[in-house]
Amino acid sequence: MAEQWESTMDRINRLANEKFQLLLKASHQYLSPEDLDRLHFLERELTRLWEIRRQELAGRPDPLDLLIEASYR
């Protein structure tokens, strides 16, 4: 599971960096239609990846919950 988590987070980080670079470019000049399409794709993909990440986290036991459960044993 850790490998899947890392690959999701690695992809989020890579795409977020690409989005940042496009936004930085947009602050200095107009974006080409291809750049705009890519920016819209990145926004959709990041939304999808964050949802996947939330689902991954939901499947994991919370360390605090595990500690509380262990204290009652």
C-alpha atoms as a PDB file:
ATOM      1  CA  MET A   1       0.000   0.000   0.000  1.00  0.00           C
ATOM      2  CA  ALA A   2       2.869   2.403   0.727  1.00  0.00           C
ATOM      3  CA  GLU A   3       4.112   2.041  -2.844  1.00  0.00           C
ATOM      4  CA  GLN A   4       0.677   2.995  -4.199  1.00  0.00           C
ATOM      5  CA  TRP A   5       0.510   5.934  -1.780  1.00  0.00           C
ATOM      6  CA  GLU A   6       3.916   7.174  -2.891  1.00  0.00           C
ATOM      7  CA  SER A   7       3.053   6.915  -6.547  1.00  0.00           C
ATOM      8  CA  THR A   8      -0.185   8.853  -6.018  1.00  0.00           C
ATOM      9  CA  MET A   9       1.617  11.540  -4.037  1.00  0.00           C
ATOM     10  CA  ASP A  10       4.504  11.618  -6.502  1.00  0.00           C
ATOM     11  CA  ARG A  11       2.040  12.162  -9.337  1.00  0.00           C
ATOM     12  CA  ILE A  12       0.191  14.857  -7.373  1.00  0.00           C
ATOM     13  CA  ASN A  13       3.473  16.643  -6.687  1.00  0.00           C
ATOM     14  CA  ARG A  14       4.645  16.389 -10.294  1.00  0.00           C
ATOM     15  CA  LEU A  15       1.356  17.625 -11.745  1.00  0.00           C
ATOM     16  CA  ALA A  16       1.009  20.385  -9.140  1.00  0.00           C
ATOM     17  CA  ASN A  17       4.482  21.602 -10.059  1.00  0.00           C
ATOM     18  CA  GLU A  18       3.570  21.572 -13.749  1.00  0.00           C
ATOM     19  CA  LYS A  19       0.374  23.508 -12.966  1.00  0.00           C
ATOM     20  CA  PHE A  20       2.396  26.041 -10.975  1.00  0.00           C
ATOM     21  CA  GLN A  21       4.789  26.499 -13.909  1.00  0.00           C
ATOM     22  CA  LEU A  22       1.888  27.118 -16.288  1.00  0.00           C
ATOM     23  CA  LEU A  23       0.323  29.623 -13.906  1.00  0.00           C
ATOM     24  CA  LEU A  24       3.668  31.368 -13.544  1.00  0.00           C
ATOM     25  CA  LYS A  25       3.921  31.538 -17.325  1.00  0.00           C
ATOM     26  CA  ALA A  26       0.356  32.908 -17.485  1.00  0.00           C
ATOM     27  CA  SER A  27       1.326  35.727 -15.139  1.00  0.00           C
ATOM     28  CA  HIS A  28       3.797  37.006 -17.767  1.00  0.00           C
ATOM     29  CA  GLN A  29       2.102  36.176 -21.060  1.00  0.00           C
ATOM     30  CA  TYR A  30      -1.012  34.722 -22.620  1.00  0.00           C
ATOM     31  CA  LEU A  31      -1.141  30.956 -22.647  1.00  0.00           C
ATOM     32  CA  SER A  32      -1.428  29.142 -25.944  1.00  0.00           C
ATOM     33  CA  PRO A  33      -4.554  27.060 -26.549  1.00  0.00           C
ATOM     34  CA  GLU A  34      -2.430  23.956 -25.925  1.00  0.00           C
ATOM     35  CA  ASP A  35      -1.219  25.366 -22.602  1.00  0.00           C
ATOM     36  CA  LEU A  36      -4.798  26.224 -21.616  1.00  0.00           C
ATOM     37  CA  ASP A  37      -5.938  22.719 -22.479  1.00  0.00           C
ATOM     38  CA  ARG A  38      -3.075  21.293 -20.435  1.00  0.00           C
ATOM     39  CA  LEU A  39      -3.933  23.546 -17.486  1.00  0.00           C
ATOM     40  CA  HIS A  40      -7.562  22.395 -17.556  1.00  0.00           C
ATOM     41  CA  PHE A  41      -6.432  18.770 -17.767  1.00  0.00           C
ATOM     42  CA  LEU A  42      -4.092  19.277 -14.803  1.00  0.00           C
ATOM     43  CA  GLU A  43      -6.881  20.782 -12.712  1.00  0.00           C
ATOM     44  CA  ARG A  44      -9.193  17.845 -13.454  1.00  0.00           C
ATOM     45  CA  GLU A  45      -6.466  15.272 -12.907  1.00  0.00           C
ATOM     46  CA  LEU A  46      -5.368  16.807  -9.604  1.00  0.00           C
ATOM     47  CA  THR A  47      -8.968  16.799  -8.377  1.00  0.00           C
ATOM     48  CA  ARG A  48      -9.222  13.120  -9.317  1.00  0.00           C
ATOM     49  CA  LEU A  49      -5.877  12.243  -7.712  1.00  0.00           C
ATOM     50  CA  TRP A  50      -6.754  14.008  -4.447  1.00  0.00           C
ATOM     51  CA  GLU A  51      -9.978  12.005  -4.317  1.00  0.00           C
ATOM     52  CA  ILE A  52      -7.958   8.828  -4.776  1.00  0.00           C
ATOM     53  CA  ARG A  53      -5.600   9.980  -2.016  1.00  0.00           C
ATOM     54  CA  ARG A  54      -8.535  10.617   0.348  1.00  0.00           C
ATOM     55  CA  GLN A  55      -9.818   7.116  -0.376  1.00  0.00           C
ATOM     56  CA  GLU A  56      -6.377   5.671   0.322  1.00  0.00           C
ATOM     57  CA  LEU A  57      -6.247   7.468   3.645  1.00  0.00           C
ATOM     58  CA  ALA A  58      -9.776   6.384   4.539  1.00  0.00           C
ATOM     59  CA  GLY A  59      -8.686   2.768   4.235  1.00  0.00           C
ATOM     60  CA  ARG A  60      -5.867   3.241   6.726  1.00  0.00           C
ATOM     61  CA  PRO A  61      -6.310   3.042  10.461  1.00  0.00           C
ATOM     62  CA  ASP A  62      -5.576   6.329  12.188  1.00  0.00           C
ATOM     63  CA  PRO A  63      -2.474   5.999  14.435  1.00  0.00           C
ATOM     64  CA  LEU A  64      -4.265   7.859  17.240  1.00  0.00           C
ATOM     65  CA  ASP A  65      -7.203   5.434  17.048  1.00  0.00           C
ATOM     66  CA  LEU A  66      -4.774   2.514  17.251  1.00  0.00           C
ATOM     67  CA  LEU A  67      -3.114   4.044  20.312  1.00  0.00           C
ATOM     68  CA  ILE A  68      -6.456   4.592  22.061  1.00  0.00           C
ATOM     69  CA  GLU A  69      -7.578   1.071  21.207  1.00  0.00           C
ATOM     70  CA  ALA A  70      -4.316  -0.359  22.557  1.00  0.00           C
ATOM     71  CA  SER A  71      -4.717   1.548  25.824  1.00  0.00           C
ATOM     72  CA  TYR A  72      -8.000  -0.292  26.529  1.00  0.00           C
ATOM     73  CA  ARG A  73      -6.413  -3.726  26.227  1.00  0.00           C
END
